[in-house]
Amino acid sequence: MKLIFLFILCTLCSFQLSAQCCSAGNPVAGSGFESASTKGECQVSSAIKYSLSDQYYFHDCKIDNPYILKSSFLYQNLWLSYSFSNRISVSAEAGYFYDKSQKLSFNDDPFRLGTSGIGDVALAVKIIVLKKVKPVTQLAFSAGTKIPVGAFHQSVDGITIPVSLQPSSGAIKWTANASFQRLSADQSWGFASQAMLALSSEINKDYLIYRHGTFLRTNAGVMHRVLPKMNVSLFGVLDVRGKDTREFDQVVTGTGSFAILVQPWIQYAFRSDRILFFNIESPVYRYFNGELLGNKFAAQIGFRATFNTYNKKKSI
């Protein structure tokens, strides 16, 4: 009986669970305000992110779901970047889900449905088109791809787990990013804004034909240095997720949403090239095109280190 319930629930999930907490693929990462890159500079960053969802919504109204109690993930990424010049750099990012699961209820008996494993690998090229030293100003564009190297067909008792709970998105994605950052003359205040777009290819594997909806994230925020080695930032974030589709461009019921979030950051510099960062992401408003599980909060803590491998005189 439990196996039948699991099969029915997974079937429903495959149509309805493009949840904000557990959407397919890697979560959006970041490390806050970044220093200006220079030729020969290598940056290494790693962060752990936890996200929790425990409330269902129909459009923007809270509703009850007696079968799915909560959804969560624990994820760690590793990000590497190298600057070939003062304006051009390449980066690579990979990550691992220690847990990506949902807590379900069957006859008042809770049990876990989930996975763990390697997520997608992201590659990007970044070009700085505007760079000023006084005051520090930077405008940059980047483009890249996300490659699904992790597991995408994990199963429980022979039943394939829903797309939204798989470690990998299962699809190649193309990404584009634009970012602007400006600091005051004494670098005690700063402003930053960013826009990121991700387009998905079609998954056509075995009996699954699926395309993830376009994802757009924009944010803007201010930074203030409160101590010589510590600064705080506050960002407003807008997330827009397009509708997923199946074969013959059939729209997956209930997918697609937009959300407004606030994102406070704290950065502490042990040295100018060794930075500890922490942030919380909390939704202020969200709207779903159907009945979906909404994210309650996400928290991230990480560390970024910078190394310079170029000893000759630098020039912009």
Protein backbone atom coordinates (compact mmCIF):
# COMPACT_ATOMS: atom_id res chain seq x y z
CA MET A 1 0.00 0.00 0.00
CA LYS A 2 2.82 2.39 0.87
CA LEU A 3 4.48 1.63 -2.46
CA ILE A 4 1.24 2.47 -4.32
CA PHE A 5 0.95 5.74 -2.38
CA LEU A 6 4.57 6.58 -3.20
CA PHE A 7 3.95 5.92 -6.90
CA ILE A 8 0.86 8.17 -6.96
CA LEU A 9 2.62 10.92 -5.01
CA CYS A 10 5.67 10.85 -7.27
CA THR A 11 3.41 11.04 -10.31
CA LEU A 12 1.67 14.10 -8.90
CA CYS A 13 4.99 15.62 -7.89
CA SER A 14 6.37 15.20 -11.39
CA PHE A 15 3.59 17.48 -12.65
CA GLN A 16 3.32 19.96 -9.79
CA LEU A 17 6.50 20.29 -7.76
CA SER A 18 8.65 22.97 -9.28
CA ALA A 19 9.05 24.25 -5.76
CA GLN A 20 11.14 27.30 -4.95
CA CYS A 21 13.02 25.30 -2.33
CA CYS A 22 13.79 22.27 -4.44
CA SER A 23 13.83 23.34 -8.07
CA ALA A 24 15.92 21.23 -10.43
CA GLY A 25 19.69 21.71 -10.54
CA ASN A 26 22.05 23.81 -8.45
CA PRO A 27 20.75 26.67 -6.30
CA VAL A 28 21.86 30.22 -7.05
CA ALA A 29 25.08 30.97 -5.16
CA GLY A 30 27.14 34.11 -4.58
CA SER A 31 29.75 35.65 -2.32
CA GLY A 32 28.58 39.25 -1.91
CA PHE A 33 30.56 42.33 -2.97
CA GLU A 34 33.67 41.27 -4.89
CA SER A 35 37.07 42.92 -5.21
CA ALA A 36 38.27 44.15 -8.61
CA SER A 37 40.13 41.40 -10.46
CA THR A 38 43.68 41.77 -11.75
CA LYS A 39 45.82 39.79 -14.19
CA GLY A 40 47.00 36.46 -12.81
CA GLU A 41 44.50 36.53 -9.95
CA CYS A 42 42.96 33.24 -8.85
CA GLN A 43 39.88 33.19 -6.61
CA VAL A 44 38.57 30.16 -4.75
CA SER A 45 35.25 30.14 -2.94
CA SER A 46 33.18 27.50 -1.19
CA ALA A 47 29.83 27.88 0.57
CA ILE A 48 27.23 25.70 2.25
CA LYS A 49 23.58 26.56 1.64
CA TYR A 50 20.50 25.28 3.46
CA SER A 51 16.96 25.92 2.25
CA LEU A 52 13.61 25.02 3.82
CA SER A 53 10.02 25.06 2.54
CA ASP A 54 7.07 24.02 4.68
CA GLN A 55 4.08 25.90 3.26
CA TYR A 56 1.97 25.28 0.17
CA TYR A 57 0.49 28.14 -1.86
CA PHE A 58 -2.21 28.50 -4.47
CA HIS A 59 -1.25 31.63 -6.37
CA ASP A 60 -0.30 33.84 -3.37
CA CYS A 61 -2.60 32.26 -0.75
CA LYS A 62 -1.50 29.71 1.82
CA ILE A 63 -3.18 26.30 1.61
CA ASP A 64 -2.82 22.96 3.38
CA ASN A 65 -1.29 19.85 1.87
CA PRO A 66 -1.76 16.74 4.05
CA TYR A 67 0.81 14.66 2.18
CA ILE A 68 3.92 16.85 1.89
CA LEU A 69 5.08 18.26 5.22
CA LYS A 70 8.26 20.02 4.16
CA SER A 71 11.01 20.17 1.56
CA SER A 72 14.66 21.07 2.09
CA PHE A 73 18.20 20.78 0.77
CA LEU A 74 21.76 21.08 2.05
CA TYR A 75 24.23 21.96 -0.68
CA GLN A 76 27.91 22.89 -0.91
CA ASN A 77 29.59 24.48 -3.92
CA LEU A 78 33.18 25.02 -5.01
CA TRP A 79 33.86 27.99 -7.29
CA LEU A 80 37.16 28.76 -9.06
CA SER A 81 38.06 31.81 -11.12
CA TYR A 82 41.22 32.85 -12.98
CA SER A 83 41.93 36.25 -14.59
CA PHE A 84 43.92 36.14 -17.83
CA SER A 85 44.02 39.93 -17.82
CA ASN A 86 42.61 42.82 -15.84
CA ARG A 87 39.41 42.49 -17.83
CA ILE A 88 38.93 38.85 -18.84
CA SER A 89 38.46 35.87 -16.53
CA VAL A 90 37.08 32.34 -16.66
CA SER A 91 35.30 30.46 -13.89
CA ALA A 92 34.06 26.99 -13.04
CA GLU A 93 31.64 25.86 -10.36
CA ALA A 94 30.54 22.46 -9.10
CA GLY A 95 28.58 21.32 -6.08
CA TYR A 96 27.24 18.45 -4.05
CA PHE A 97 23.83 17.93 -2.45
CA TYR A 98 24.28 16.28 0.94
CA ASP A 99 20.50 16.08 1.10
CA LYS A 100 17.67 17.10 -1.21
CA SER A 101 14.44 15.69 0.13
CA GLN A 102 10.82 16.00 1.15
CA LYS A 103 9.15 14.81 4.31
CA LEU A 104 5.91 13.05 3.37
CA SER A 105 2.99 11.79 5.43
CA PHE A 106 1.18 8.50 4.82
CA ASN A 107 -1.50 7.47 7.33
CA ASP A 108 0.07 9.94 9.79
CA ASP A 109 3.35 8.06 9.41
CA PRO A 110 6.03 10.49 8.13
CA PHE A 111 8.79 9.24 5.86
CA ARG A 112 11.52 10.82 3.72
CA LEU A 113 11.75 10.90 -0.07
CA GLY A 114 14.96 12.33 -1.42
CA THR A 115 18.38 12.06 -2.97
CA SER A 116 21.97 13.19 -2.64
CA GLY A 117 24.78 13.58 -5.12
CA ILE A 118 26.70 15.84 -7.49
CA GLY A 119 24.79 18.66 -9.15
CA ASP A 120 25.56 20.47 -12.42
CA VAL A 121 28.91 21.98 -13.46
CA ALA A 122 28.89 25.63 -14.51
CA LEU A 123 31.47 27.25 -16.81
CA ALA A 124 31.60 30.96 -17.67
CA VAL A 125 33.68 33.70 -19.29
CA LYS A 126 33.53 37.18 -17.79
CA ILE A 127 34.51 40.44 -19.52
CA ILE A 128 34.83 43.74 -17.66
CA VAL A 129 33.81 46.48 -20.08
CA LEU A 130 34.09 49.41 -17.64
CA LYS A 131 36.70 49.61 -14.90
CA LYS A 132 37.65 52.66 -12.85
CA VAL A 133 39.87 52.89 -9.80
CA LYS A 134 38.70 56.21 -8.28
CA PRO A 135 35.99 55.70 -7.30
CA VAL A 136 35.98 51.93 -7.73
CA THR A 137 33.48 51.22 -10.52
CA GLN A 138 32.97 48.06 -12.53
CA LEU A 139 30.56 46.94 -15.24
CA ALA A 140 30.89 43.37 -16.42
CA PHE A 141 29.15 40.83 -18.63
CA SER A 142 29.52 37.07 -18.59
CA ALA A 143 28.18 34.09 -20.52
CA GLY A 144 28.43 30.40 -19.92
CA THR A 145 26.81 27.02 -19.68
CA LYS A 146 25.67 24.52 -17.05
CA ILE A 147 26.39 20.87 -17.79
CA PRO A 148 24.33 18.11 -16.10
CA VAL A 149 26.99 15.73 -14.77
CA GLY A 150 25.14 14.48 -11.69
CA ALA A 151 22.47 11.82 -11.28
CA PHE A 152 19.09 12.52 -12.82
CA HIS A 153 17.24 9.21 -12.54
CA GLN A 154 17.60 8.25 -8.89
CA SER A 155 14.74 6.08 -7.66
CA VAL A 156 13.16 4.58 -4.54
CA ASP A 157 11.80 1.04 -4.68
CA GLY A 158 11.99 1.20 -8.47
CA ILE A 159 10.02 4.46 -8.71
CA THR A 160 11.90 7.41 -10.23
CA ILE A 161 12.05 10.40 -7.91
CA PRO A 162 10.48 13.66 -9.29
CA VAL A 163 12.61 15.99 -11.42
CA SER A 164 12.59 18.69 -8.74
CA LEU A 165 14.33 16.40 -6.23
CA GLN A 166 17.07 15.09 -8.52
CA PRO A 167 20.63 16.41 -7.82
CA SER A 168 21.10 17.35 -11.49
CA SER A 169 18.75 19.36 -13.69
CA GLY A 170 19.27 16.81 -16.47
CA ALA A 171 19.53 19.57 -19.10
CA ILE A 172 22.25 21.72 -20.59
CA LYS A 173 21.61 25.36 -19.75
CA TRP A 174 22.98 28.58 -21.20
CA THR A 175 23.52 31.52 -18.88
CA ALA A 176 24.10 35.25 -19.31
CA ASN A 177 24.94 37.73 -16.58
CA ALA A 178 25.38 41.49 -16.27
CA SER A 179 26.70 43.14 -13.10
CA PHE A 180 27.48 46.67 -11.94
CA GLN A 181 29.32 47.71 -8.80
CA ARG A 182 30.40 51.11 -7.48
CA LEU A 183 32.07 52.08 -4.21
CA SER A 184 32.37 55.49 -2.59
CA ALA A 185 35.74 57.28 -2.56
CA ASP A 186 36.59 55.92 0.92
CA GLN A 187 34.99 52.54 0.07
CA SER A 188 32.74 52.72 3.13
CA TRP A 189 29.58 52.64 1.01
CA GLY A 190 28.76 50.74 -2.14
CA PHE A 191 26.01 49.93 -4.62
CA ALA A 192 25.68 46.77 -6.70
CA SER A 193 23.17 45.39 -9.16
CA GLN A 194 23.03 42.19 -11.15
CA ALA A 195 20.84 40.38 -13.68
CA MET A 196 21.16 36.68 -14.50
CA LEU A 197 19.30 34.72 -17.19
CA ALA A 198 19.27 30.92 -17.63
CA LEU A 199 17.80 29.11 -20.65
CA SER A 200 17.31 25.35 -20.66
CA SER A 201 17.66 22.80 -23.43
CA GLU A 202 15.14 20.01 -23.81
CA ILE A 203 15.57 16.80 -21.85
CA ASN A 204 14.88 13.83 -24.13
CA LYS A 205 15.95 10.71 -22.31
CA ASP A 206 14.23 7.34 -22.05
CA TYR A 207 10.54 8.19 -21.74
CA LEU A 208 11.02 11.74 -20.44
CA ILE A 209 10.65 14.81 -22.65
CA TYR A 210 10.89 17.93 -20.53
CA ARG A 211 12.13 21.53 -20.69
CA HIS A 212 12.70 23.70 -17.62
CA GLY A 213 11.25 27.19 -17.81
CA THR A 214 13.48 30.23 -18.31
CA PHE A 215 14.86 31.61 -15.06
CA LEU A 216 15.59 35.30 -14.46
CA ARG A 217 17.07 36.78 -11.30
CA THR A 218 17.72 40.48 -10.78
CA ASN A 219 18.94 42.17 -7.62
CA ALA A 220 20.12 45.52 -6.33
CA GLY A 221 21.57 46.48 -2.98
CA VAL A 222 23.77 48.70 -0.86
CA MET A 223 26.82 47.94 1.25
CA HIS A 224 28.17 49.76 4.31
CA ARG A 225 31.48 49.18 6.09
CA VAL A 226 30.56 49.10 9.79
CA LEU A 227 34.01 48.05 11.07
CA PRO A 228 37.47 48.16 9.47
CA LYS A 229 37.18 44.46 8.58
CA MET A 230 33.41 44.02 8.37
CA ASN A 231 30.73 45.24 6.01
CA VAL A 232 27.00 44.57 5.79
CA SER A 233 24.81 44.61 2.69
CA LEU A 234 21.11 44.51 1.97
CA PHE A 235 19.77 43.36 -1.39
CA GLY A 236 16.33 43.21 -2.91
CA VAL A 237 15.87 40.23 -5.24
CA LEU A 238 13.33 39.45 -7.96
CA ASP A 239 13.07 35.85 -9.20
CA VAL A 240 10.97 34.97 -12.25
CA ARG A 241 10.54 31.33 -13.31
CA GLY A 242 8.94 30.51 -16.63
CA LYS A 243 6.60 27.59 -17.21
CA ASP A 244 8.03 24.12 -17.78
CA THR A 245 6.93 22.20 -20.86
CA ARG A 246 6.65 18.58 -21.98
CA GLU A 247 6.46 17.03 -25.45
CA PHE A 248 4.60 19.02 -28.12
CA ASP A 249 5.24 22.16 -25.98
CA GLN A 250 2.55 21.09 -23.52
CA VAL A 251 2.77 23.38 -20.47
CA VAL A 252 3.28 21.57 -17.16
CA THR A 253 0.34 22.47 -14.93
CA GLY A 254 1.11 24.86 -12.10
CA THR A 255 4.69 25.72 -13.07
CA GLY A 256 5.94 29.28 -13.34
CA SER A 257 6.20 31.89 -10.60
CA PHE A 258 7.74 35.12 -9.44
CA ALA A 259 9.02 36.09 -6.02
CA ILE A 260 10.37 39.17 -4.27
CA LEU A 261 12.99 38.47 -1.61
CA VAL A 262 15.25 40.34 0.81
CA GLN A 263 18.84 39.22 1.21
CA PRO A 264 21.02 40.63 4.03
CA TRP A 265 24.77 39.88 3.90
CA ILE A 266 27.68 40.05 6.33
CA GLN A 267 31.28 39.92 5.13
CA TYR A 268 34.32 39.73 7.39
CA ALA A 269 37.85 40.14 5.99
CA PHE A 270 40.55 38.37 7.97
CA ARG A 271 42.82 39.91 5.34
CA SER A 272 41.96 41.75 2.15
CA ASP A 273 42.22 38.45 0.26
CA ARG A 274 40.58 36.15 2.85
CA ILE A 275 36.85 36.81 3.32
CA LEU A 276 34.18 35.01 5.32
CA PHE A 277 30.59 35.69 4.20
CA PHE A 278 27.09 34.86 5.40
CA ASN A 279 23.65 35.66 4.05
CA ILE A 280 19.98 34.86 4.57
CA GLU A 281 17.34 34.87 1.85
CA SER A 282 13.73 35.43 2.86
CA PRO A 283 10.69 35.88 0.58
CA VAL A 284 8.52 38.99 0.98
CA TYR A 285 5.97 38.11 -1.70
CA ARG A 286 5.53 35.25 -4.17
CA TYR A 287 2.97 34.31 -6.77
CA PHE A 288 2.62 30.83 -8.29
CA ASN A 289 0.69 29.91 -11.40
CA GLY A 290 -0.75 26.93 -9.57
CA GLU A 291 -0.41 24.97 -6.34
CA LEU A 292 3.24 24.86 -5.31
CA LEU A 293 5.50 24.59 -2.31
CA GLY A 294 7.06 27.97 -1.45
CA ASN A 295 10.46 28.60 0.04
CA LYS A 296 10.45 29.72 3.70
CA PHE A 297 14.09 30.78 3.97
CA ALA A 298 17.60 29.95 2.81
CA ALA A 299 20.89 30.55 4.63
CA GLN A 300 24.44 30.41 3.29
CA ILE A 301 27.90 30.60 4.85
CA GLY A 302 31.13 30.50 2.91
CA PHE A 303 34.75 31.57 2.51
CA ARG A 304 36.55 33.24 -0.40
CA ALA A 305 40.33 33.39 -0.88
CA THR A 306 42.33 35.26 -3.52
CA PHE A 307 45.80 34.37 -4.79
CA ASN A 308 47.92 36.33 -7.25
CA THR A 309 50.13 34.31 -9.59
CA TYR A 310 51.37 37.27 -11.64
CA ASN A 311 54.26 39.23 -10.14
CA LYS A 312 55.00 41.62 -12.93
CA LYS A 313 53.76 45.19 -13.02
CA LYS A 314 50.00 45.25 -13.50
CA SER A 315 48.20 47.49 -15.94
CA ILE A 316 44.53 48.07 -16.58
